[in-house]
């Protein structure tokens, strides 16, 4: 693996070794199929794009969750049960998998009334 590819993986791993290892395994598979078995910048870019993981480490479900808050609930607040039903995800999965990273990076704010999209979220999607 090249150093540049390693940096791309680390930036998208959400600071979680388990996710970094998962990405590494997936990219290794891409490298074996599409390349010469070496994870380089091109393979990393291709694989991460195929997995729909962007430069912020957001996946398609992260983006779906945030867009739902913006578009269906006018930015929030929206309760966890309602949000989960709107995106067809389990409440525990939202709380344990998606929400911590979105809160940490400033894409989401949790209030007593529910989840609220932040200015960063609107900027990310080019809205408002």
C-alpha atoms as a PDB file:
ATOM      1  CA  UNK A   1       0.000   0.000   0.000  1.00  0.00           C
ATOM      2  CA  UNK A   2       1.266   3.457  -0.806  1.00  0.00           C
ATOM      3  CA  UNK A   3       1.490   6.159   1.846  1.00  0.00           C
ATOM      4  CA  UNK A   4      -1.034   8.304  -0.018  1.00  0.00           C
ATOM      5  CA  UNK A   5      -3.562   5.448  -0.028  1.00  0.00           C
ATOM      6  CA  UNK A   6      -2.982   4.838   3.685  1.00  0.00           C
ATOM      7  CA  UNK A   7      -3.759   8.506   4.399  1.00  0.00           C
ATOM      8  CA  UNK A   8      -6.981   8.303   2.390  1.00  0.00           C
ATOM      9  CA  UNK A   9      -8.070   5.257   4.388  1.00  0.00           C
ATOM     10  CA  UNK A  10      -7.198   6.851   7.720  1.00  0.00           C
ATOM     11  CA  UNK A  11      -9.104  10.050   6.889  1.00  0.00           C
ATOM     12  CA  UNK A  12     -12.250   8.092   6.069  1.00  0.00           C
ATOM     13  CA  UNK A  13     -12.092   5.582   8.918  1.00  0.00           C
ATOM     14  CA  UNK A  14     -13.823   7.886  11.425  1.00  0.00           C
ATOM     15  CA  UNK A  15     -10.880   7.406  13.789  1.00  0.00           C
ATOM     16  CA  UNK A  16     -12.038   3.832  14.382  1.00  0.00           C
ATOM     17  CA  UNK A  17      -9.558   0.964  13.857  1.00  0.00           C
ATOM     18  CA  UNK A  18     -12.383  -1.473  13.077  1.00  0.00           C
ATOM     19  CA  UNK A  19     -13.560   0.739  10.206  1.00  0.00           C
ATOM     20  CA  UNK A  20      -9.989   1.268   8.988  1.00  0.00           C
ATOM     21  CA  UNK A  21      -9.476  -2.510   8.871  1.00  0.00           C
ATOM     22  CA  UNK A  22     -12.790  -2.986   7.056  1.00  0.00           C
ATOM     23  CA  UNK A  23     -11.850  -0.354   4.464  1.00  0.00           C
ATOM     24  CA  UNK A  24      -8.412  -1.900   4.077  1.00  0.00           C
ATOM     25  CA  UNK A  25      -9.893  -5.349   3.412  1.00  0.00           C
ATOM     26  CA  UNK A  26     -12.346  -3.979   0.864  1.00  0.00           C
ATOM     27  CA  UNK A  27      -9.660  -1.956  -0.905  1.00  0.00           C
ATOM     28  CA  UNK A  28      -7.333  -4.954  -0.913  1.00  0.00           C
ATOM     29  CA  UNK A  29     -10.053  -6.863  -2.767  1.00  0.00           C
ATOM     30  CA  UNK A  30     -10.398  -4.008  -5.280  1.00  0.00           C
ATOM     31  CA  UNK A  31      -6.621  -3.938  -5.732  1.00  0.00           C
ATOM     32  CA  UNK A  32      -6.530  -7.657  -6.472  1.00  0.00           C
ATOM     33  CA  UNK A  33      -9.328  -7.399  -9.018  1.00  0.00           C
ATOM     34  CA  UNK A  34      -8.714  -3.994 -10.631  1.00  0.00           C
ATOM     35  CA  UNK A  35      -4.988  -3.491 -10.107  1.00  0.00           C
ATOM     36  CA  UNK A  36      -1.774  -5.325  -9.491  1.00  0.00           C
ATOM     37  CA  UNK A  37      -2.559  -6.163  -5.880  1.00  0.00           C
ATOM     38  CA  UNK A  38      -1.187  -2.864  -4.562  1.00  0.00           C
ATOM     39  CA  UNK A  39      -3.473  -0.319  -2.933  1.00  0.00           C
ATOM     40  CA  UNK A  40      -2.394   2.972  -4.492  1.00  0.00           C
ATOM     41  CA  UNK A  41      -4.125   6.350  -4.772  1.00  0.00           C
ATOM     42  CA  UNK A  42      -6.141   5.329  -7.832  1.00  0.00           C
ATOM     43  CA  UNK A  43      -7.356   2.074  -6.273  1.00  0.00           C
ATOM     44  CA  UNK A  44      -8.195   3.862  -3.009  1.00  0.00           C
ATOM     45  CA  UNK A  45     -10.124   6.579  -4.871  1.00  0.00           C
ATOM     46  CA  UNK A  46     -11.972   4.007  -6.973  1.00  0.00           C
ATOM     47  CA  UNK A  47     -12.842   1.759  -4.049  1.00  0.00           C
ATOM     48  CA  UNK A  48     -13.942   4.563  -1.743  1.00  0.00           C
ATOM     49  CA  UNK A  49     -16.105   5.989  -4.508  1.00  0.00           C
ATOM     50  CA  UNK A  50     -17.666   2.566  -5.107  1.00  0.00           C
ATOM     51  CA  UNK A  51     -18.391   2.298  -1.361  1.00  0.00           C
ATOM     52  CA  UNK A  52     -19.826   5.850  -1.464  1.00  0.00           C
ATOM     53  CA  UNK A  53     -17.525   7.098   1.300  1.00  0.00           C
ATOM     54  CA  UNK A  54     -16.629  10.755   0.832  1.00  0.00           C
ATOM     55  CA  UNK A  55     -13.695  12.886   1.999  1.00  0.00           C
ATOM     56  CA  UNK A  56     -15.407  13.503   5.345  1.00  0.00           C
ATOM     57  CA  UNK A  57     -15.865   9.781   5.970  1.00  0.00           C
ATOM     58  CA  UNK A  58     -19.620  10.047   5.420  1.00  0.00           C
ATOM     59  CA  UNK A  59     -21.380   7.087   3.846  1.00  0.00           C
ATOM     60  CA  UNK A  60     -24.655   7.038   1.943  1.00  0.00           C
ATOM     61  CA  UNK A  61     -26.678   6.411   5.124  1.00  0.00           C
ATOM     62  CA  UNK A  62     -25.033   9.359   6.904  1.00  0.00           C
ATOM     63  CA  UNK A  63     -25.977  11.573   3.967  1.00  0.00           C
ATOM     64  CA  UNK A  64     -29.502  10.111   3.823  1.00  0.00           C
ATOM     65  CA  UNK A  65     -29.991  10.809   7.531  1.00  0.00           C
ATOM     66  CA  UNK A  66     -28.778  14.399   7.243  1.00  0.00           C
ATOM     67  CA  UNK A  67     -30.741  15.131   4.067  1.00  0.00           C
ATOM     68  CA  UNK A  68     -33.892  13.721   5.652  1.00  0.00           C
ATOM     69  CA  UNK A  69     -33.538  16.118   8.573  1.00  0.00           C
ATOM     70  CA  UNK A  70     -33.033  19.043   6.180  1.00  0.00           C
ATOM     71  CA  UNK A  71     -35.624  18.202   3.547  1.00  0.00           C
ATOM     72  CA  UNK A  72     -38.409  16.406   5.410  1.00  0.00           C
ATOM     73  CA  UNK A  73     -38.134  18.145   8.761  1.00  0.00           C
ATOM     74  CA  UNK A  74     -36.882  21.627   7.790  1.00  0.00           C
ATOM     75  CA  UNK A  75     -33.605  21.096   9.603  1.00  0.00           C
ATOM     76  CA  UNK A  76     -35.172  19.745  12.783  1.00  0.00           C
ATOM     77  CA  UNK A  77     -35.672  19.170  15.537  1.00  0.00           C
ATOM     78  CA  UNK A  78     -36.851  15.655  14.820  1.00  0.00           C
ATOM     79  CA  UNK A  79     -37.213  12.816  17.300  1.00  0.00           C
ATOM     80  CA  UNK A  80     -35.171   9.652  17.038  1.00  0.00           C
ATOM     81  CA  UNK A  81     -38.162   7.360  16.430  1.00  0.00           C
ATOM     82  CA  UNK A  82     -39.498   9.576  13.661  1.00  0.00           C
ATOM     83  CA  UNK A  83     -36.088   9.915  12.042  1.00  0.00           C
ATOM     84  CA  UNK A  84     -35.478   6.167  12.193  1.00  0.00           C
ATOM     85  CA  UNK A  85     -38.836   5.435  10.585  1.00  0.00           C
ATOM     86  CA  UNK A  86     -38.185   8.041   7.882  1.00  0.00           C
ATOM     87  CA  UNK A  87     -34.933   6.433   6.750  1.00  0.00           C
ATOM     88  CA  UNK A  88     -35.901   2.813   7.534  1.00  0.00           C
ATOM     89  CA  UNK A  89     -33.132   2.325  10.090  1.00  0.00           C
ATOM     90  CA  UNK A  90     -33.210   0.916  13.591  1.00  0.00           C
ATOM     91  CA  UNK A  91     -33.027   3.507  16.384  1.00  0.00           C
ATOM     92  CA  UNK A  92     -30.146   1.651  18.045  1.00  0.00           C
ATOM     93  CA  UNK A  93     -28.191   1.656  14.783  1.00  0.00           C
ATOM     94  CA  UNK A  94     -28.645   5.402  14.430  1.00  0.00           C
ATOM     95  CA  UNK A  95     -27.585   6.003  18.045  1.00  0.00           C
ATOM     96  CA  UNK A  96     -24.661   3.591  18.060  1.00  0.00           C
ATOM     97  CA  UNK A  97     -23.284   3.747  14.517  1.00  0.00           C
ATOM     98  CA  UNK A  98     -24.160   6.986  12.730  1.00  0.00           C
ATOM     99  CA  UNK A  99     -24.994   9.638  15.291  1.00  0.00           C
ATOM    100  CA  UNK A 100     -21.745   9.665  17.337  1.00  0.00           C
ATOM    101  CA  UNK A 101     -19.592  10.518  14.317  1.00  0.00           C
ATOM    102  CA  UNK A 102     -22.047  13.100  12.983  1.00  0.00           C
ATOM    103  CA  UNK A 103     -22.153  14.764  16.412  1.00  0.00           C
ATOM    104  CA  UNK A 104     -18.374  14.642  16.772  1.00  0.00           C
ATOM    105  CA  UNK A 105     -17.776  16.250  13.371  1.00  0.00           C
ATOM    106  CA  UNK A 106     -20.439  18.908  13.885  1.00  0.00           C
ATOM    107  CA  UNK A 107     -22.966  17.769  11.280  1.00  0.00           C
ATOM    108  CA  UNK A 108     -25.672  17.087  13.847  1.00  0.00           C
ATOM    109  CA  UNK A 109     -26.794  18.622  17.110  1.00  0.00           C
ATOM    110  CA  UNK A 110     -28.911  16.811  19.674  1.00  0.00           C
ATOM    111  CA  UNK A 111     -31.428  18.852  21.662  1.00  0.00           C
ATOM    112  CA  UNK A 112     -34.133  17.843  24.158  1.00  0.00           C
ATOM    113  CA  UNK A 113     -36.647  18.145  21.298  1.00  0.00           C
ATOM    114  CA  UNK A 114     -34.646  16.039  18.828  1.00  0.00           C
ATOM    115  CA  UNK A 115     -31.884  16.067  16.241  1.00  0.00           C
ATOM    116  CA  UNK A 116     -31.067  19.283  14.388  1.00  0.00           C
ATOM    117  CA  UNK A 117     -28.959  19.798  11.273  1.00  0.00           C
ATOM    118  CA  UNK A 118     -26.124  22.280  11.795  1.00  0.00           C
ATOM    119  CA  UNK A 119     -24.842  25.047   9.541  1.00  0.00           C
ATOM    120  CA  UNK A 120     -22.035  22.672   8.521  1.00  0.00           C
ATOM    121  CA  UNK A 121     -24.631  20.224   7.232  1.00  0.00           C
ATOM    122  CA  UNK A 122     -26.304  22.871   5.098  1.00  0.00           C
ATOM    123  CA  UNK A 123     -22.915  23.980   3.793  1.00  0.00           C
ATOM    124  CA  UNK A 124     -21.922  20.377   3.031  1.00  0.00           C
ATOM    125  CA  UNK A 125     -25.026  19.904   0.860  1.00  0.00           C
ATOM    126  CA  UNK A 126     -24.833  23.403  -0.628  1.00  0.00           C
ATOM    127  CA  UNK A 127     -28.157  24.435   0.859  1.00  0.00           C
ATOM    128  CA  UNK A 128     -29.362  27.630   2.532  1.00  0.00           C
END
